[in-house]
Amino acid sequence: IKNFDELPIISVIGTRKASTYGLKMGRKIASE
């Protein structure tokens, strides 16, 4: 990737000590 300004970019962030729910939602949100 080089054309960063042309992309709709979203940061997906959260805690290192995530719960099972948090890990699942992290994958789900990023995937969607």
PDB file of all heavy atoms in Angstrom:
ATOM      1  N   ILE A   1       0.831  -1.202   0.000  1.00  0.00           N
ATOM      2  CA  ILE A   1       0.000   0.000   0.000  1.00  0.00           C
ATOM      3  C   ILE A   1       0.865   1.253   0.000  1.00  0.00           C
ATOM      4  O   ILE A   1       1.772   1.385   0.808  1.00  0.00           O
ATOM      5  CB  ILE A   1      -0.931   0.014   1.226  1.00  0.00           C
ATOM      6  CG1 ILE A   1      -1.847  -1.217   1.207  1.00  0.00           C
ATOM      7  CG2 ILE A   1      -1.771   1.286   1.250  1.00  0.00           C
ATOM      8  CD1 ILE A   1      -2.720  -1.330   2.443  1.00  0.00           C
ATOM      9  N   LYS A   2       0.554   2.157  -0.901  1.00  0.00           N
ATOM     10  CA  LYS A   2       1.279   3.434  -0.951  1.00  0.00           C
ATOM     11  C   LYS A   2       0.316   4.627  -0.994  1.00  0.00           C
ATOM     12  O   LYS A   2       0.655   5.713  -0.554  1.00  0.00           O
ATOM     13  CB  LYS A   2       2.185   3.466  -2.196  1.00  0.00           C
ATOM     14  CG  LYS A   2       3.267   2.392  -2.206  1.00  0.00           C
ATOM     15  CD  LYS A   2       4.296   2.613  -1.114  1.00  0.00           C
ATOM     16  CE  LYS A   2       5.502   1.685  -1.283  1.00  0.00           C
ATOM     17  NZ  LYS A   2       5.187   0.270  -1.121  1.00  0.00           N
ATOM     18  N   ASN A   3      -0.907   4.411  -1.530  1.00  0.00           N
ATOM     19  CA  ASN A   3      -1.870   5.506  -1.741  1.00  0.00           C
ATOM     20  C   ASN A   3      -2.779   5.673  -0.516  1.00  0.00           C
ATOM     21  O   ASN A   3      -3.998   5.529  -0.588  1.00  0.00           O
ATOM     22  CB  ASN A   3      -2.712   5.232  -2.990  1.00  0.00           C
ATOM     23  CG  ASN A   3      -3.415   3.885  -2.934  1.00  0.00           C
ATOM     24  OD1 ASN A   3      -2.958   2.956  -2.274  1.00  0.00           O
ATOM     25  ND2 ASN A   3      -4.522   3.763  -3.634  1.00  0.00           N
ATOM     26  N   PHE A   4      -2.216   6.013   0.618  1.00  0.00           N
ATOM     27  CA  PHE A   4      -2.953   6.036   1.879  1.00  0.00           C
ATOM     28  C   PHE A   4      -4.120   7.024   1.874  1.00  0.00           C
ATOM     29  O   PHE A   4      -5.174   6.742   2.445  1.00  0.00           O
ATOM     30  CB  PHE A   4      -1.997   6.364   3.031  1.00  0.00           C
ATOM     31  CG  PHE A   4      -0.873   5.378   3.172  1.00  0.00           C
ATOM     32  CD1 PHE A   4       0.403   5.687   2.713  1.00  0.00           C
ATOM     33  CD2 PHE A   4      -1.089   4.130   3.728  1.00  0.00           C
ATOM     34  CE1 PHE A   4       1.434   4.784   2.831  1.00  0.00           C
ATOM     35  CE2 PHE A   4      -0.062   3.217   3.848  1.00  0.00           C
ATOM     36  CZ  PHE A   4       1.212   3.537   3.395  1.00  0.00           C
ATOM     37  N   ASP A   5      -3.963   8.174   1.239  1.00  0.00           N
ATOM     38  CA  ASP A   5      -5.024   9.178   1.255  1.00  0.00           C
ATOM     39  C   ASP A   5      -6.258   8.742   0.470  1.00  0.00           C
ATOM     40  O   ASP A   5      -7.339   9.294   0.663  1.00  0.00           O
ATOM     41  CB  ASP A   5      -4.513  10.505   0.685  1.00  0.00           C
ATOM     42  CG  ASP A   5      -3.582  11.219   1.650  1.00  0.00           C
ATOM     43  OD1 ASP A   5      -3.854  11.173   2.864  1.00  0.00           O
ATOM     44  OD2 ASP A   5      -2.586  11.811   1.201  1.00  0.00           O
ATOM     45  N   GLU A   6      -6.107   7.771  -0.406  1.00  0.00           N
ATOM     46  CA  GLU A   6      -7.230   7.324  -1.222  1.00  0.00           C
ATOM     47  C   GLU A   6      -8.040   6.222  -0.549  1.00  0.00           C
ATOM     48  O   GLU A   6      -9.054   5.783  -1.090  1.00  0.00           O
ATOM     49  CB  GLU A   6      -6.709   6.827  -2.579  1.00  0.00           C
ATOM     50  CG  GLU A   6      -5.997   7.899  -3.390  1.00  0.00           C
ATOM     51  CD  GLU A   6      -5.391   7.350  -4.667  1.00  0.00           C
ATOM     52  OE1 GLU A   6      -5.783   6.229  -5.059  1.00  0.00           O
ATOM     53  OE2 GLU A   6      -4.542   8.028  -5.269  1.00  0.00           O
ATOM     54  N   LEU A   7      -7.624   5.794   0.621  1.00  0.00           N
ATOM     55  CA  LEU A   7      -8.276   4.667   1.289  1.00  0.00           C
ATOM     56  C   LEU A   7      -9.094   5.112   2.496  1.00  0.00           C
ATOM     57  O   LEU A   7      -8.644   5.956   3.270  1.00  0.00           O
ATOM     58  CB  LEU A   7      -7.221   3.655   1.754  1.00  0.00           C
ATOM     59  CG  LEU A   7      -6.328   3.045   0.675  1.00  0.00           C
ATOM     60  CD1 LEU A   7      -5.254   2.176   1.328  1.00  0.00           C
ATOM     61  CD2 LEU A   7      -7.152   2.223  -0.301  1.00  0.00           C
ATOM     62  N   PRO A   8     -10.293   4.545   2.675  1.00  0.00           N
ATOM     63  CA  PRO A   8     -11.062   4.782   3.906  1.00  0.00           C
ATOM     64  C   PRO A   8     -10.491   3.900   5.023  1.00  0.00           C
ATOM     65  O   PRO A   8     -10.806   2.719   5.117  1.00  0.00           O
ATOM     66  CB  PRO A   8     -12.488   4.378   3.525  1.00  0.00           C
ATOM     67  CG  PRO A   8     -12.340   3.413   2.395  1.00  0.00           C
ATOM     68  CD  PRO A   8     -11.052   3.755   1.687  1.00  0.00           C
ATOM     69  N   ILE A   9      -9.616   4.470   5.819  1.00  0.00           N
ATOM     70  CA  ILE A   9      -8.851   3.708   6.813  1.00  0.00           C
ATOM     71  C   ILE A   9      -9.458   3.872   8.203  1.00  0.00           C
ATOM     72  O   ILE A   9      -9.774   4.981   8.629  1.00  0.00           O
ATOM     73  CB  ILE A   9      -7.380   4.161   6.828  1.00  0.00           C
ATOM     74  CG1 ILE A   9      -6.745   3.956   5.442  1.00  0.00           C
ATOM     75  CG2 ILE A   9      -6.589   3.419   7.885  1.00  0.00           C
ATOM     76  CD1 ILE A   9      -5.342   4.523   5.321  1.00  0.00           C
ATOM     77  N   ILE A  10      -9.596   2.765   8.910  1.00  0.00           N
ATOM     78  CA  ILE A  10     -10.156   2.750  10.260  1.00  0.00           C
ATOM     79  C   ILE A  10      -9.177   2.052  11.204  1.00  0.00           C
ATOM     80  O   ILE A  10      -8.733   0.934  10.926  1.00  0.00           O
ATOM     81  CB  ILE A  10     -11.504   2.005  10.307  1.00  0.00           C
ATOM     82  CG1 ILE A  10     -12.501   2.622   9.332  1.00  0.00           C
ATOM     83  CG2 ILE A  10     -12.070   1.992  11.733  1.00  0.00           C
ATOM     84  CD1 ILE A  10     -12.905   4.040   9.650  1.00  0.00           C
ATOM     85  N   SER A  11      -8.852   2.691  12.325  1.00  0.00           N
ATOM     86  CA  SER A  11      -8.042   2.045  13.366  1.00  0.00           C
ATOM     87  C   SER A  11      -8.952   1.221  14.263  1.00  0.00           C
ATOM     88  O   SER A  11      -9.973   1.728  14.745  1.00  0.00           O
ATOM     89  CB  SER A  11      -7.306   3.087  14.214  1.00  0.00           C
ATOM     90  OG  SER A  11      -6.229   3.643  13.519  1.00  0.00           O
ATOM     91  N   VAL A  12      -8.585  -0.024  14.481  1.00  0.00           N
ATOM     92  CA  VAL A  12      -9.334  -0.902  15.395  1.00  0.00           C
ATOM     93  C   VAL A  12      -8.416  -1.207  16.565  1.00  0.00           C
ATOM     94  O   VAL A  12      -7.371  -1.836  16.392  1.00  0.00           O
ATOM     95  CB  VAL A  12      -9.787  -2.195  14.696  1.00  0.00           C
ATOM     96  CG1 VAL A  12     -10.594  -3.063  15.659  1.00  0.00           C
ATOM     97  CG2 VAL A  12     -10.623  -1.872  13.453  1.00  0.00           C
ATOM     98  N   ILE A  13      -8.784  -0.754  17.752  1.00  0.00           N
ATOM     99  CA  ILE A  13      -7.880  -0.844  18.893  1.00  0.00           C
ATOM    100  C   ILE A  13      -8.596  -1.370  20.135  1.00  0.00           C
ATOM    101  O   ILE A  13      -9.826  -1.451  20.179  1.00  0.00           O
ATOM    102  CB  ILE A  13      -7.253   0.529  19.214  1.00  0.00           C
ATOM    103  CG1 ILE A  13      -8.341   1.526  19.636  1.00  0.00           C
ATOM    104  CG2 ILE A  13      -6.480   1.055  18.032  1.00  0.00           C
ATOM    105  CD1 ILE A  13      -7.802   2.836  20.160  1.00  0.00           C
ATOM    106  N   GLY A  14      -7.805  -1.709  21.148  1.00  0.00           N
ATOM    107  CA  GLY A  14      -8.373  -2.183  22.407  1.00  0.00           C
ATOM    108  C   GLY A  14      -7.290  -2.717  23.328  1.00  0.00           C
ATOM    109  O   GLY A  14      -6.098  -2.614  23.047  1.00  0.00           O
ATOM    110  N   THR A  15      -7.728  -3.313  24.419  1.00  0.00           N
ATOM    111  CA  THR A  15      -6.821  -3.766  25.459  1.00  0.00           C
ATOM    112  C   THR A  15      -6.019  -4.999  25.050  1.00  0.00           C
ATOM    113  O   THR A  15      -6.476  -5.816  24.253  1.00  0.00           O
ATOM    114  CB  THR A  15      -7.603  -4.076  26.746  1.00  0.00           C
ATOM    115  OG1 THR A  15      -6.710  -4.507  27.758  1.00  0.00           O
ATOM    116  CG2 THR A  15      -8.658  -5.153  26.510  1.00  0.00           C
ATOM    117  N   ARG A  16      -4.842  -5.110  25.630  1.00  0.00           N
ATOM    118  CA  ARG A  16      -4.030  -6.321  25.434  1.00  0.00           C
ATOM    119  C   ARG A  16      -4.654  -7.509  26.157  1.00  0.00           C
ATOM    120  O   ARG A  16      -4.596  -8.641  25.684  1.00  0.00           O
ATOM    121  CB  ARG A  16      -2.619  -6.102  25.984  1.00  0.00           C
ATOM    122  CG  ARG A  16      -1.779  -5.064  25.251  1.00  0.00           C
ATOM    123  CD  ARG A  16      -0.503  -4.764  26.008  1.00  0.00           C
ATOM    124  NE  ARG A  16       0.308  -3.744  25.374  1.00  0.00           N
ATOM    125  CZ  ARG A  16       1.358  -3.998  24.598  1.00  0.00           C
ATOM    126  NH1 ARG A  16       1.712  -5.241  24.369  1.00  0.00           N
ATOM    127  NH2 ARG A  16       2.043  -3.011  24.051  1.00  0.00           N
ATOM    128  N   LYS A  17      -5.246  -7.236  27.332  1.00  0.00           N
ATOM    129  CA  LYS A  17      -5.831  -8.300  28.155  1.00  0.00           C
ATOM    130  C   LYS A  17      -7.311  -8.454  27.823  1.00  0.00           C
ATOM    131  O   LYS A  17      -8.189  -8.243  28.660  1.00  0.00           O
ATOM    132  CB  LYS A  17      -5.628  -7.985  29.635  1.00  0.00           C
ATOM    133  CG  LYS A  17      -4.156  -7.871  30.028  1.00  0.00           C
ATOM    134  CD  LYS A  17      -4.003  -7.509  31.492  1.00  0.00           C
ATOM    135  CE  LYS A  17      -2.526  -7.381  31.874  1.00  0.00           C
ATOM    136  NZ  LYS A  17      -2.354  -6.988  33.301  1.00  0.00           N
ATOM    137  N   ALA A  18      -7.576  -8.827  26.597  1.00  0.00           N
ATOM    138  CA  ALA A  18      -8.952  -8.890  26.113  1.00  0.00           C
ATOM    139  C   ALA A  18      -9.663 -10.163  26.560  1.00  0.00           C
ATOM    140  O   ALA A  18      -9.044 -11.211  26.746  1.00  0.00           O
ATOM    141  CB  ALA A  18      -8.967  -8.794  24.596  1.00  0.00           C
ATOM    142  N   SER A  19     -10.964 -10.050  26.701  1.00  0.00           N
ATOM    143  CA  SER A  19     -11.803 -11.213  27.006  1.00  0.00           C
ATOM    144  C   SER A  19     -12.073 -11.980  25.722  1.00  0.00           C
ATOM    145  O   SER A  19     -11.752 -11.515  24.619  1.00  0.00           O
ATOM    146  CB  SER A  19     -13.119 -10.753  27.612  1.00  0.00           C
ATOM    147  OG  SER A  19     -13.870 -10.012  26.650  1.00  0.00           O
ATOM    148  N   THR A  20     -12.682 -13.131  25.848  1.00  0.00           N
ATOM    149  CA  THR A  20     -13.065 -13.904  24.665  1.00  0.00           C
ATOM    150  C   THR A  20     -14.016 -13.090  23.793  1.00  0.00           C
ATOM    151  O   THR A  20     -13.917 -13.092  22.561  1.00  0.00           O
ATOM    152  CB  THR A  20     -13.745 -15.220  25.093  1.00  0.00           C
ATOM    153  OG1 THR A  20     -12.840 -15.965  25.905  1.00  0.00           O
ATOM    154  CG2 THR A  20     -14.132 -16.049  23.883  1.00  0.00           C
ATOM    155  N   TYR A  21     -14.934 -12.393  24.451  1.00  0.00           N
ATOM    156  CA  TYR A  21     -15.869 -11.523  23.732  1.00  0.00           C
ATOM    157  C   TYR A  21     -15.116 -10.427  22.972  1.00  0.00           C
ATOM    158  O   TYR A  21     -15.404 -10.148  21.803  1.00  0.00           O
ATOM    159  CB  TYR A  21     -16.844 -10.893  24.735  1.00  0.00           C
ATOM    160  CG  TYR A  21     -17.582  -9.681  24.212  1.00  0.00           C
ATOM    161  CD1 TYR A  21     -18.670  -9.814  23.355  1.00  0.00           C
ATOM    162  CD2 TYR A  21     -17.185  -8.391  24.587  1.00  0.00           C
ATOM    163  CE1 TYR A  21     -19.353  -8.700  22.889  1.00  0.00           C
ATOM    164  CE2 TYR A  21     -17.856  -7.273  24.121  1.00  0.00           C
ATOM    165  CZ  TYR A  21     -18.942  -7.424  23.273  1.00  0.00           C
ATOM    166  OH  TYR A  21     -19.596  -6.324  22.808  1.00  0.00           O
ATOM    167  N   GLY A  22     -14.136  -9.798  23.636  1.00  0.00           N
ATOM    168  CA  GLY A  22     -13.382  -8.727  23.004  1.00  0.00           C
ATOM    169  C   GLY A  22     -12.605  -9.203  21.792  1.00  0.00           C
ATOM    170  O   GLY A  22     -12.584  -8.536  20.747  1.00  0.00           O
ATOM    171  N   LEU A  23     -11.957 -10.351  21.911  1.00  0.00           N
ATOM    172  CA  LEU A  23     -11.199 -10.898  20.787  1.00  0.00           C
ATOM    173  C   LEU A  23     -12.118 -11.209  19.607  1.00  0.00           C
ATOM    174  O   LEU A  23     -11.794 -10.929  18.451  1.00  0.00           O
ATOM    175  CB  LEU A  23     -10.461 -12.161  21.228  1.00  0.00           C
ATOM    176  CG  LEU A  23      -9.383 -11.970  22.301  1.00  0.00           C
ATOM    177  CD1 LEU A  23      -8.833 -13.321  22.743  1.00  0.00           C
ATOM    178  CD2 LEU A  23      -8.252 -11.085  21.796  1.00  0.00           C
ATOM    179  N   LYS A  24     -13.273 -11.785  19.926  1.00  0.00           N
ATOM    180  CA  LYS A  24     -14.240 -12.114  18.877  1.00  0.00           C
ATOM    181  C   LYS A  24     -14.720 -10.851  18.164  1.00  0.00           C
ATOM    182  O   LYS A  24     -14.774 -10.800  16.933  1.00  0.00           O
ATOM    183  CB  LYS A  24     -15.434 -12.850  19.494  1.00  0.00           C
ATOM    184  CG  LYS A  24     -16.585 -13.080  18.522  1.00  0.00           C
ATOM    185  CD  LYS A  24     -17.791 -13.645  19.259  1.00  0.00           C
ATOM    186  CE  LYS A  24     -19.010 -13.711  18.337  1.00  0.00           C
ATOM    187  NZ  LYS A  24     -20.206 -14.194  19.046  1.00  0.00           N
ATOM    188  N   MET A  25     -15.045  -9.809  18.930  1.00  0.00           N
ATOM    189  CA  MET A  25     -15.543  -8.578  18.333  1.00  0.00           C
ATOM    190  C   MET A  25     -14.451  -7.835  17.566  1.00  0.00           C
ATOM    191  O   MET A  25     -14.723  -7.175  16.558  1.00  0.00           O
ATOM    192  CB  MET A  25     -16.143  -7.683  19.410  1.00  0.00           C
ATOM    193  CG  MET A  25     -17.439  -8.209  20.009  1.00  0.00           C
ATOM    194  SD  MET A  25     -18.732  -8.480  18.774  1.00  0.00           S
ATOM    195  CE  MET A  25     -19.040  -6.814  18.207  1.00  0.00           C
ATOM    196  N   GLY A  26     -13.212  -7.949  18.041  1.00  0.00           N
ATOM    197  CA  GLY A  26     -12.101  -7.336  17.314  1.00  0.00           C
ATOM    198  C   GLY A  26     -11.967  -7.921  15.919  1.00  0.00           C
ATOM    199  O   GLY A  26     -11.817  -7.188  14.930  1.00  0.00           O
ATOM    200  N   ARG A  27     -12.024  -9.257  15.841  1.00  0.00           N
ATOM    201  CA  ARG A  27     -11.963  -9.926  14.539  1.00  0.00           C
ATOM    202  C   ARG A  27     -13.162  -9.552  13.682  1.00  0.00           C
ATOM    203  O   ARG A  27     -13.044  -9.272  12.488  1.00  0.00           O
ATOM    204  CB  ARG A  27     -11.916 -11.445  14.720  1.00  0.00           C
ATOM    205  CG  ARG A  27     -10.610 -11.987  15.259  1.00  0.00           C
ATOM    206  CD  ARG A  27     -10.548 -13.498  15.124  1.00  0.00           C
ATOM    207  NE  ARG A  27     -11.649 -14.161  15.832  1.00  0.00           N
ATOM    208  CZ  ARG A  27     -11.602 -14.544  17.104  1.00  0.00           C
ATOM    209  NH1 ARG A  27     -10.522 -14.317  17.815  1.00  0.00           N
ATOM    210  NH2 ARG A  27     -12.644 -15.137  17.666  1.00  0.00           N
ATOM    211  N   LYS A  28     -14.351  -9.590  14.292  1.00  0.00           N
ATOM    212  CA  LYS A  28     -15.603  -9.350  13.561  1.00  0.00           C
ATOM    213  C   LYS A  28     -15.662  -7.935  12.991  1.00  0.00           C
ATOM    214  O   LYS A  28     -15.958  -7.745  11.799  1.00  0.00           O
ATOM    215  CB  LYS A  28     -16.787  -9.583  14.501  1.00  0.00           C
ATOM    216  CG  LYS A  28     -18.165  -9.281  13.914  1.00  0.00           C
ATOM    217  CD  LYS A  28     -19.243  -9.562  14.939  1.00  0.00           C
ATOM    218  CE  LYS A  28     -20.637  -9.258  14.387  1.00  0.00           C
ATOM    219  NZ  LYS A  28     -20.876  -7.827  14.155  1.00  0.00           N
ATOM    220  N   ILE A  29     -15.390  -6.945  13.827  1.00  0.00           N
ATOM    221  CA  ILE A  29     -15.457  -5.557  13.371  1.00  0.00           C
ATOM    222  C   ILE A  29     -14.478  -5.305  12.239  1.00  0.00           C
ATOM    223  O   ILE A  29     -14.816  -4.709  11.209  1.00  0.00           O
ATOM    224  CB  ILE A  29     -15.173  -4.598  14.541  1.00  0.00           C
ATOM    225  CG1 ILE A  29     -16.291  -4.634  15.582  1.00  0.00           C
ATOM    226  CG2 ILE A  29     -14.939  -3.177  14.032  1.00  0.00           C
ATOM    227  CD1 ILE A  29     -17.578  -3.993  15.160  1.00  0.00           C
ATOM    228  N   ALA A  30     -13.224  -5.754  12.404  1.00  0.00           N
ATOM    229  CA  ALA A  30     -12.207  -5.537  11.376  1.00  0.00           C
ATOM    230  C   ALA A  30     -12.574  -6.243  10.079  1.00  0.00           C
ATOM    231  O   ALA A  30     -12.408  -5.694   8.984  1.00  0.00           O
ATOM    232  CB  ALA A  30     -10.849  -6.023  11.877  1.00  0.00           C
ATOM    233  N   SER A  31     -13.079  -7.458  10.200  1.00  0.00           N
ATOM    234  CA  SER A  31     -13.480  -8.209   9.025  1.00  0.00           C
ATOM    235  C   SER A  31     -14.590  -7.493   8.262  1.00  0.00           C
ATOM    236  O   SER A  31     -14.546  -7.362   7.029  1.00  0.00           O
ATOM    237  CB  SER A  31     -13.963  -9.609   9.442  1.00  0.00           C
ATOM    238  OG  SER A  31     -14.461 -10.334   8.335  1.00  0.00           O
ATOM    239  N   GLU A  32     -15.572  -6.980   8.987  1.00  0.00           N
ATOM    240  CA  GLU A  32     -16.696  -6.306   8.347  1.00  0.00           C
ATOM    241  C   GLU A  32     -16.297  -4.957   7.753  1.00  0.00           C
ATOM    242  O   GLU A  32     -16.824  -4.556   6.715  1.00  0.00           O
ATOM    243  CB  GLU A  32     -17.829  -6.134   9.362  1.00  0.00           C
ATOM    244  CG  GLU A  32     -18.473  -7.455   9.738  1.00  0.00           C
ATOM    245  CD  GLU A  32     -19.406  -7.347  10.939  1.00  0.00           C
ATOM    246  OE1 GLU A  32     -19.357  -6.319  11.647  1.00  0.00           O
ATOM    247  OE2 GLU A  32     -20.168  -8.302  11.169  1.00  0.00           O
TER     248      GLU A  32
END
